[in-house]
Amino acid sequence: MAEPKEEPSAAGRPVLSTPSFPRRLLGVFLAPGDLGEALGSRPLWGGALLWGGVLVALSVGLIPGEIWLEMIREQAAERGQPMAGGLAGAEAIFRITSVIGGVVGWFLWAFFLASLATLFFSFILGDERRYVHYLAVVSHGLLVSAVGALLLVPLRVAQRDPTLSLSVGTFAVFLEEGYPLRVLRMLDLFGLWGYGVMAVMVSRLGPPRGIALPAGFFFGLALAAAFLFALFQG
């Protein structure tokens, strides 16, 4: 991403101009540090959040309805509650509800994660940045997961598994089924990439700071969530 330009502010201080959304999206993958500086000057988040929701909706909606139905039937059979046949039209219902759930979850997670970041960096550490700055960081960082989910659609269709993901557990073929493997499966690779991007952006959001603390916060949060949610996957 090209270096952000400086523009004079009303107070006479230089203010970095924020690139357009396509350039910001490119910056997420190629220059998160420069993007962090730009967002520190002008914390735009609406476009990133909305486009991320669109990508999530596409990644879910492009999965054929019959694959969703197969998954629901398999889950019901595992619980000893086989579903009755002849569910005509159920595929469309499952697909629509999955799209709505995915998009709603996307927005809720973005707002919640930004709240945690604000609590930690602003209220605990005393940084001057506001909630909107961390919402801008999170909204852009989560685009990595949204793009990744869209790229995985062909593989999910081929494997007929709409929940398939690439995680640390994908490569832990030496582990048997159990809690440790469930924890590793919770560590999605695109999600970890996104957390790394957020850490870089936060380190450049305001006055320059080391990346160790932001990285510790975001990766520590990912690990804590993996340990917690893996408890409910047994």
C-alpha atoms as a PDB file:
ATOM      1  CA  MET A   1       0.000   0.000   0.000  1.00  0.00           C
ATOM      2  CA  ALA A   2       1.313   3.442  -0.884  1.00  0.00           C
ATOM      3  CA  GLU A   3       2.412   5.710   1.948  1.00  0.00           C
ATOM      4  CA  PRO A   4      -0.526   7.745   3.314  1.00  0.00           C
ATOM      5  CA  LYS A   5      -0.325  11.415   2.450  1.00  0.00           C
ATOM      6  CA  GLU A   6      -0.210  14.098   5.105  1.00  0.00           C
ATOM      7  CA  GLU A   7      -2.856  16.791   5.070  1.00  0.00           C
ATOM      8  CA  PRO A   8      -2.958  19.856   7.344  1.00  0.00           C
ATOM      9  CA  SER A   9      -5.564  19.745  10.083  1.00  0.00           C
ATOM     10  CA  ALA A  10      -7.502  22.676  11.481  1.00  0.00           C
ATOM     11  CA  ALA A  11      -5.068  22.788  14.387  1.00  0.00           C
ATOM     12  CA  GLY A  12      -2.102  22.915  12.042  1.00  0.00           C
ATOM     13  CA  ARG A  13      -0.965  19.357  12.794  1.00  0.00           C
ATOM     14  CA  PRO A  14      -0.397  16.928   9.925  1.00  0.00           C
ATOM     15  CA  VAL A  15      -3.177  14.377   9.496  1.00  0.00           C
ATOM     16  CA  LEU A  16      -2.698  11.226   7.423  1.00  0.00           C
ATOM     17  CA  SER A  17      -5.269  10.844   4.672  1.00  0.00           C
ATOM     18  CA  THR A  18      -7.055   7.492   4.729  1.00  0.00           C
ATOM     19  CA  PRO A  19      -6.912   5.412   1.524  1.00  0.00           C
ATOM     20  CA  SER A  20     -10.025   4.203  -0.272  1.00  0.00           C
ATOM     21  CA  PHE A  21     -11.472   0.874   0.820  1.00  0.00           C
ATOM     22  CA  PRO A  22      -9.888  -1.192  -2.018  1.00  0.00           C
ATOM     23  CA  ARG A  23      -6.478   0.175  -1.036  1.00  0.00           C
ATOM     24  CA  ARG A  24      -7.213  -0.432   2.630  1.00  0.00           C
ATOM     25  CA  LEU A  25      -8.141  -4.032   1.821  1.00  0.00           C
ATOM     26  CA  LEU A  26      -4.849  -4.420  -0.010  1.00  0.00           C
ATOM     27  CA  GLY A  27      -3.081  -2.803   2.929  1.00  0.00           C
ATOM     28  CA  VAL A  28      -4.527  -5.389   5.317  1.00  0.00           C
ATOM     29  CA  PHE A  29      -2.491  -8.056   3.527  1.00  0.00           C
ATOM     30  CA  LEU A  30       0.531  -6.089   2.331  1.00  0.00           C
ATOM     31  CA  ALA A  31       1.079  -3.120   4.648  1.00  0.00           C
ATOM     32  CA  PRO A  32      -0.895  -3.346   7.912  1.00  0.00           C
ATOM     33  CA  GLY A  33       1.512  -0.980   9.643  1.00  0.00           C
ATOM     34  CA  ASP A  34       0.887   1.826   7.170  1.00  0.00           C
ATOM     35  CA  LEU A  35      -2.834   1.128   7.377  1.00  0.00           C
ATOM     36  CA  GLY A  36      -2.677   1.338  11.165  1.00  0.00           C
ATOM     37  CA  GLU A  37      -1.098   4.792  10.959  1.00  0.00           C
ATOM     38  CA  ALA A  38      -3.802   5.961   8.555  1.00  0.00           C
ATOM     39  CA  LEU A  39      -6.592   4.602  10.764  1.00  0.00           C
ATOM     40  CA  GLY A  40      -5.050   6.303  13.761  1.00  0.00           C
ATOM     41  CA  SER A  41      -5.578   9.604  11.976  1.00  0.00           C
ATOM     42  CA  ARG A  42      -9.015   8.810  10.559  1.00  0.00           C
ATOM     43  CA  PRO A  43     -10.608   5.647  12.002  1.00  0.00           C
ATOM     44  CA  LEU A  44     -12.922   4.512   9.222  1.00  0.00           C
ATOM     45  CA  TRP A  45     -14.691   1.251  10.028  1.00  0.00           C
ATOM     46  CA  GLY A  46     -18.148   1.181   8.400  1.00  0.00           C
ATOM     47  CA  GLY A  47     -17.050   0.149   4.907  1.00  0.00           C
ATOM     48  CA  ALA A  48     -14.742  -2.601   6.177  1.00  0.00           C
ATOM     49  CA  LEU A  49     -17.418  -3.970   8.486  1.00  0.00           C
ATOM     50  CA  LEU A  50     -20.103  -3.937   5.788  1.00  0.00           C
ATOM     51  CA  TRP A  51     -17.916  -5.492   3.087  1.00  0.00           C
ATOM     52  CA  GLY A  52     -16.749  -8.101   5.554  1.00  0.00           C
ATOM     53  CA  GLY A  53     -20.371  -8.975   6.202  1.00  0.00           C
ATOM     54  CA  VAL A  54     -20.936  -9.315   2.461  1.00  0.00           C
ATOM     55  CA  LEU A  55     -17.967 -11.679   2.146  1.00  0.00           C
ATOM     56  CA  VAL A  56     -19.234 -13.761   5.066  1.00  0.00           C
ATOM     57  CA  ALA A  57     -22.710 -13.916   3.512  1.00  0.00           C
ATOM     58  CA  LEU A  58     -21.232 -15.073   0.207  1.00  0.00           C
ATOM     59  CA  SER A  59     -19.011 -17.682   1.856  1.00  0.00           C
ATOM     60  CA  VAL A  60     -22.085 -19.189   3.553  1.00  0.00           C
ATOM     61  CA  GLY A  61     -24.644 -18.627   0.795  1.00  0.00           C
ATOM     62  CA  LEU A  62     -22.509 -20.262  -1.892  1.00  0.00           C
ATOM     63  CA  ILE A  63     -22.630 -23.587  -0.063  1.00  0.00           C
ATOM     64  CA  PRO A  64     -25.413 -25.665  -1.695  1.00  0.00           C
ATOM     65  CA  GLY A  65     -28.461 -26.159   0.501  1.00  0.00           C
ATOM     66  CA  GLU A  66     -28.321 -29.949   0.329  1.00  0.00           C
ATOM     67  CA  ILE A  67     -24.888 -29.891   1.975  1.00  0.00           C
ATOM     68  CA  TRP A  68     -26.298 -27.931   4.906  1.00  0.00           C
ATOM     69  CA  LEU A  69     -29.136 -30.430   5.141  1.00  0.00           C
ATOM     70  CA  GLU A  70     -26.716 -33.368   5.137  1.00  0.00           C
ATOM     71  CA  MET A  71     -24.796 -31.776   8.008  1.00  0.00           C
ATOM     72  CA  ILE A  72     -27.978 -31.228  10.037  1.00  0.00           C
ATOM     73  CA  ARG A  73     -29.043 -34.843   9.483  1.00  0.00           C
ATOM     74  CA  GLU A  74     -25.622 -36.162  10.508  1.00  0.00           C
ATOM     75  CA  GLN A  75     -25.628 -34.067  13.675  1.00  0.00           C
ATOM     76  CA  ALA A  76     -29.143 -35.243  14.529  1.00  0.00           C
ATOM     77  CA  ALA A  77     -28.141 -38.876  13.955  1.00  0.00           C
ATOM     78  CA  GLU A  78     -25.132 -38.471  16.258  1.00  0.00           C
ATOM     79  CA  ARG A  79     -27.498 -37.285  18.986  1.00  0.00           C
ATOM     80  CA  GLY A  80     -29.723 -40.298  18.393  1.00  0.00           C
ATOM     81  CA  GLN A  81     -32.490 -38.146  16.946  1.00  0.00           C
ATOM     82  CA  PRO A  82     -32.649 -38.963  13.208  1.00  0.00           C
ATOM     83  CA  MET A  83     -34.592 -36.450  11.172  1.00  0.00           C
ATOM     84  CA  ALA A  84     -37.634 -37.460   9.218  1.00  0.00           C
ATOM     85  CA  GLY A  85     -37.270 -37.609   5.468  1.00  0.00           C
ATOM     86  CA  GLY A  86     -39.127 -35.534   2.934  1.00  0.00           C
ATOM     87  CA  LEU A  87     -37.936 -32.146   4.152  1.00  0.00           C
ATOM     88  CA  ALA A  88     -38.769 -30.414   0.871  1.00  0.00           C
ATOM     89  CA  GLY A  89     -37.623 -26.835   0.841  1.00  0.00           C
ATOM     90  CA  ALA A  90     -35.651 -27.240   4.071  1.00  0.00           C
ATOM     91  CA  GLU A  91     -32.368 -26.608   2.237  1.00  0.00           C
ATOM     92  CA  ALA A  92     -33.366 -23.037   1.474  1.00  0.00           C
ATOM     93  CA  ILE A  93     -34.393 -22.439   5.081  1.00  0.00           C
ATOM     94  CA  PHE A  94     -31.095 -23.785   6.417  1.00  0.00           C
ATOM     95  CA  ARG A  95     -29.144 -21.718   3.919  1.00  0.00           C
ATOM     96  CA  ILE A  96     -30.973 -18.475   4.750  1.00  0.00           C
ATOM     97  CA  THR A  97     -30.717 -18.965   8.494  1.00  0.00           C
ATOM     98  CA  SER A  98     -27.013 -19.835   8.154  1.00  0.00           C
ATOM     99  CA  VAL A  99     -26.355 -16.663   6.148  1.00  0.00           C
ATOM    100  CA  ILE A 100     -28.215 -14.515   8.675  1.00  0.00           C
ATOM    101  CA  GLY A 101     -26.476 -16.195  11.596  1.00  0.00           C
ATOM    102  CA  GLY A 102     -23.052 -15.794   9.993  1.00  0.00           C
ATOM    103  CA  VAL A 103     -23.530 -12.092   9.245  1.00  0.00           C
ATOM    104  CA  VAL A 104     -25.019 -11.302  12.663  1.00  0.00           C
ATOM    105  CA  GLY A 105     -22.182 -13.202  14.326  1.00  0.00           C
ATOM    106  CA  TRP A 106     -19.669 -11.243  12.241  1.00  0.00           C
ATOM    107  CA  PHE A 107     -20.981  -7.882  13.460  1.00  0.00           C
ATOM    108  CA  LEU A 108     -21.358  -8.975  17.084  1.00  0.00           C
ATOM    109  CA  TRP A 109     -17.831 -10.385  17.217  1.00  0.00           C
ATOM    110  CA  ALA A 110     -16.365  -7.214  15.694  1.00  0.00           C
ATOM    111  CA  PHE A 111     -18.074  -4.947  18.232  1.00  0.00           C
ATOM    112  CA  PHE A 112     -17.225  -7.253  21.131  1.00  0.00           C
ATOM    113  CA  LEU A 113     -13.560  -7.630  20.158  1.00  0.00           C
ATOM    114  CA  ALA A 114     -13.231  -3.860  19.703  1.00  0.00           C
ATOM    115  CA  SER A 115     -14.721  -3.412  23.183  1.00  0.00           C
ATOM    116  CA  LEU A 116     -12.153  -5.772  24.701  1.00  0.00           C
ATOM    117  CA  ALA A 117      -9.326  -3.994  22.890  1.00  0.00           C
ATOM    118  CA  THR A 118     -10.569  -0.607  24.102  1.00  0.00           C
ATOM    119  CA  LEU A 119     -10.855  -1.879  27.664  1.00  0.00           C
ATOM    120  CA  PHE A 120      -7.321  -3.250  27.621  1.00  0.00           C
ATOM    121  CA  PHE A 121      -5.415  -0.579  25.711  1.00  0.00           C
ATOM    122  CA  SER A 122      -7.355   2.569  26.630  1.00  0.00           C
ATOM    123  CA  PHE A 123      -8.747   1.955  30.101  1.00  0.00           C
ATOM    124  CA  ILE A 124      -6.093  -0.350  31.555  1.00  0.00           C
ATOM    125  CA  LEU A 125      -2.978   0.881  29.755  1.00  0.00           C
ATOM    126  CA  GLY A 126      -4.154   4.472  29.389  1.00  0.00           C
ATOM    127  CA  ASP A 127      -3.793   4.867  25.620  1.00  0.00           C
ATOM    128  CA  GLU A 128      -5.465   7.965  24.191  1.00  0.00           C
ATOM    129  CA  ARG A 129      -7.166   6.152  21.327  1.00  0.00           C
ATOM    130  CA  ARG A 130     -10.938   5.721  21.523  1.00  0.00           C
ATOM    131  CA  TYR A 131     -13.298   2.820  20.851  1.00  0.00           C
ATOM    132  CA  VAL A 132     -13.772   3.885  17.244  1.00  0.00           C
ATOM    133  CA  HIS A 133     -10.031   3.458  16.584  1.00  0.00           C
ATOM    134  CA  TYR A 134     -10.046  -0.120  17.809  1.00  0.00           C
ATOM    135  CA  LEU A 135     -13.267  -0.832  15.939  1.00  0.00           C
ATOM    136  CA  ALA A 136     -11.512   0.350  12.777  1.00  0.00           C
ATOM    137  CA  VAL A 137      -8.559  -1.948  13.497  1.00  0.00           C
ATOM    138  CA  VAL A 138     -10.758  -4.950  14.257  1.00  0.00           C
ATOM    139  CA  SER A 139     -13.042  -4.364  11.245  1.00  0.00           C
ATOM    140  CA  HIS A 140     -10.076  -4.403   8.896  1.00  0.00           C
ATOM    141  CA  GLY A 141      -8.229  -7.241  10.632  1.00  0.00           C
ATOM    142  CA  LEU A 142     -11.267  -9.501  10.479  1.00  0.00           C
ATOM    143  CA  LEU A 143     -11.308  -9.116   6.691  1.00  0.00           C
ATOM    144  CA  VAL A 144      -8.571 -11.753   6.612  1.00  0.00           C
ATOM    145  CA  SER A 145     -11.014 -14.323   8.026  1.00  0.00           C
ATOM    146  CA  ALA A 146     -13.785 -13.172   5.688  1.00  0.00           C
ATOM    147  CA  VAL A 147     -11.585 -13.495   2.595  1.00  0.00           C
ATOM    148  CA  GLY A 148     -10.284 -16.830   3.858  1.00  0.00           C
ATOM    149  CA  ALA A 149     -13.817 -18.166   4.331  1.00  0.00           C
ATOM    150  CA  LEU A 150     -14.662 -17.238   0.751  1.00  0.00           C
ATOM    151  CA  LEU A 151     -11.521 -18.940  -0.568  1.00  0.00           C
ATOM    152  CA  LEU A 152     -12.455 -22.113   1.295  1.00  0.00           C
ATOM    153  CA  VAL A 153     -15.868 -22.425  -0.386  1.00  0.00           C
ATOM    154  CA  PRO A 154     -14.672 -24.759  -3.206  1.00  0.00           C
ATOM    155  CA  LEU A 155     -12.965 -27.035  -0.676  1.00  0.00           C
ATOM    156  CA  ARG A 156     -16.040 -27.078   1.576  1.00  0.00           C
ATOM    157  CA  VAL A 157     -18.247 -27.996  -1.350  1.00  0.00           C
ATOM    158  CA  ALA A 158     -15.852 -30.702  -2.522  1.00  0.00           C
ATOM    159  CA  GLN A 159     -15.660 -32.201   0.976  1.00  0.00           C
ATOM    160  CA  ARG A 160     -19.388 -31.607   1.547  1.00  0.00           C
ATOM    161  CA  ASP A 161     -18.570 -29.992   4.882  1.00  0.00           C
ATOM    162  CA  PRO A 162     -19.790 -26.376   5.299  1.00  0.00           C
ATOM    163  CA  THR A 163     -17.848 -25.997   8.558  1.00  0.00           C
ATOM    164  CA  LEU A 164     -14.491 -27.134   7.183  1.00  0.00           C
ATOM    165  CA  SER A 165     -11.618 -24.831   8.115  1.00  0.00           C
ATOM    166  CA  LEU A 166      -7.844 -24.666   8.032  1.00  0.00           C
ATOM    167  CA  SER A 167      -6.567 -24.644  11.577  1.00  0.00           C
ATOM    168  CA  VAL A 168      -3.509 -25.593  13.575  1.00  0.00           C
ATOM    169  CA  GLY A 169      -5.313 -28.850  14.263  1.00  0.00           C
ATOM    170  CA  THR A 170      -5.466 -29.602  10.538  1.00  0.00           C
ATOM    171  CA  PHE A 171      -1.746 -30.338  10.632  1.00  0.00           C
ATOM    172  CA  ALA A 172      -1.730 -32.113  14.014  1.00  0.00           C
ATOM    173  CA  VAL A 173      -2.235 -35.516  12.411  1.00  0.00           C
ATOM    174  CA  PHE A 174      -0.157 -37.123  15.159  1.00  0.00           C
ATOM    175  CA  LEU A 175      -2.762 -36.328  17.834  1.00  0.00           C
ATOM    176  CA  GLU A 176      -5.658 -38.571  18.712  1.00  0.00           C
ATOM    177  CA  GLU A 177      -9.163 -37.267  19.252  1.00  0.00           C
ATOM    178  CA  GLY A 178      -9.402 -35.415  22.528  1.00  0.00           C
ATOM    179  CA  TYR A 179      -9.290 -32.026  24.198  1.00  0.00           C
ATOM    180  CA  PRO A 180      -5.803 -30.985  22.969  1.00  0.00           C
ATOM    181  CA  LEU A 181      -6.796 -31.628  19.349  1.00  0.00           C
ATOM    182  CA  ARG A 182     -10.087 -29.773  19.821  1.00  0.00           C
ATOM    183  CA  VAL A 183      -8.145 -26.766  21.124  1.00  0.00           C
ATOM    184  CA  LEU A 184      -5.857 -26.784  18.089  1.00  0.00           C
ATOM    185  CA  ARG A 185      -8.848 -27.053  15.761  1.00  0.00           C
ATOM    186  CA  MET A 186     -10.196 -23.857  17.316  1.00  0.00           C
ATOM    187  CA  LEU A 187      -7.059 -21.989  16.248  1.00  0.00           C
ATOM    188  CA  ASP A 188      -8.122 -21.055  12.722  1.00  0.00           C
ATOM    189  CA  LEU A 189      -5.153 -20.073  10.552  1.00  0.00           C
ATOM    190  CA  PHE A 190      -6.926 -17.186   8.850  1.00  0.00           C
ATOM    191  CA  GLY A 191      -8.126 -15.991  12.249  1.00  0.00           C
ATOM    192  CA  LEU A 192      -4.582 -16.064  13.633  1.00  0.00           C
ATOM    193  CA  TRP A 193      -3.364 -14.183  10.567  1.00  0.00           C
ATOM    194  CA  GLY A 194      -6.037 -11.563  11.202  1.00  0.00           C
ATOM    195  CA  TYR A 195      -4.997 -11.216  14.848  1.00  0.00           C
ATOM    196  CA  GLY A 196      -1.426 -10.685  13.723  1.00  0.00           C
ATOM    197  CA  VAL A 197      -2.601  -7.943  11.369  1.00  0.00           C
ATOM    198  CA  MET A 198      -4.537  -6.300  14.220  1.00  0.00           C
ATOM    199  CA  ALA A 199      -1.460  -6.423  16.434  1.00  0.00           C
ATOM    200  CA  VAL A 200       0.654  -4.690  13.789  1.00  0.00           C
ATOM    201  CA  MET A 201      -2.011  -2.021  13.238  1.00  0.00           C
ATOM    202  CA  VAL A 202      -2.386  -1.336  16.968  1.00  0.00           C
ATOM    203  CA  SER A 203       1.388  -0.973  17.288  1.00  0.00           C
ATOM    204  CA  ARG A 204       1.231   1.831  14.706  1.00  0.00           C
ATOM    205  CA  LEU A 205      -2.161   3.269  15.648  1.00  0.00           C
ATOM    206  CA  GLY A 206      -0.847   6.028  17.865  1.00  0.00           C
ATOM    207  CA  PRO A 207       2.631   6.887  19.074  1.00  0.00           C
ATOM    208  CA  PRO A 208       4.923   4.035  17.965  1.00  0.00           C
ATOM    209  CA  ARG A 209       4.983   1.131  20.393  1.00  0.00           C
ATOM    210  CA  GLY A 210       6.430  -2.352  20.343  1.00  0.00           C
ATOM    211  CA  ILE A 211       4.391  -5.121  18.794  1.00  0.00           C
ATOM    212  CA  ALA A 212       4.927  -7.557  21.678  1.00  0.00           C
ATOM    213  CA  LEU A 213       2.090  -6.259  23.850  1.00  0.00           C
ATOM    214  CA  PRO A 214      -0.565  -6.046  21.087  1.00  0.00           C
ATOM    215  CA  ALA A 215       0.469  -9.475  19.808  1.00  0.00           C
ATOM    216  CA  GLY A 216       0.273 -10.911  23.310  1.00  0.00           C
ATOM    217  CA  PHE A 217      -3.218  -9.473  23.741  1.00  0.00           C
ATOM    218  CA  PHE A 218      -4.711 -10.727  20.482  1.00  0.00           C
ATOM    219  CA  PHE A 219      -2.999 -14.132  20.380  1.00  0.00           C
ATOM    220  CA  GLY A 220      -3.626 -14.625  24.095  1.00  0.00           C
ATOM    221  CA  LEU A 221      -7.304 -13.899  23.484  1.00  0.00           C
ATOM    222  CA  ALA A 222      -7.394 -16.413  20.627  1.00  0.00           C
ATOM    223  CA  LEU A 223      -5.772 -19.080  22.800  1.00  0.00           C
ATOM    224  CA  ALA A 224      -8.095 -18.400  25.734  1.00  0.00           C
ATOM    225  CA  ALA A 225     -11.142 -18.647  23.444  1.00  0.00           C
ATOM    226  CA  ALA A 226      -9.822 -21.919  21.995  1.00  0.00           C
ATOM    227  CA  PHE A 227      -9.391 -23.450  25.460  1.00  0.00           C
ATOM    228  CA  LEU A 228     -12.870 -22.296  26.463  1.00  0.00           C
ATOM    229  CA  PHE A 229     -14.863 -23.316  23.394  1.00  0.00           C
ATOM    230  CA  ALA A 230     -13.060 -26.644  23.067  1.00  0.00           C
ATOM    231  CA  LEU A 231     -14.691 -27.624  26.366  1.00  0.00           C
ATOM    232  CA  PHE A 232     -18.087 -27.599  24.661  1.00  0.00           C
ATOM    233  CA  GLN A 233     -16.990 -29.661  21.659  1.00  0.00           C
ATOM    234  CA  GLY A 234     -16.562 -32.926  23.507  1.00  0.00           C
END
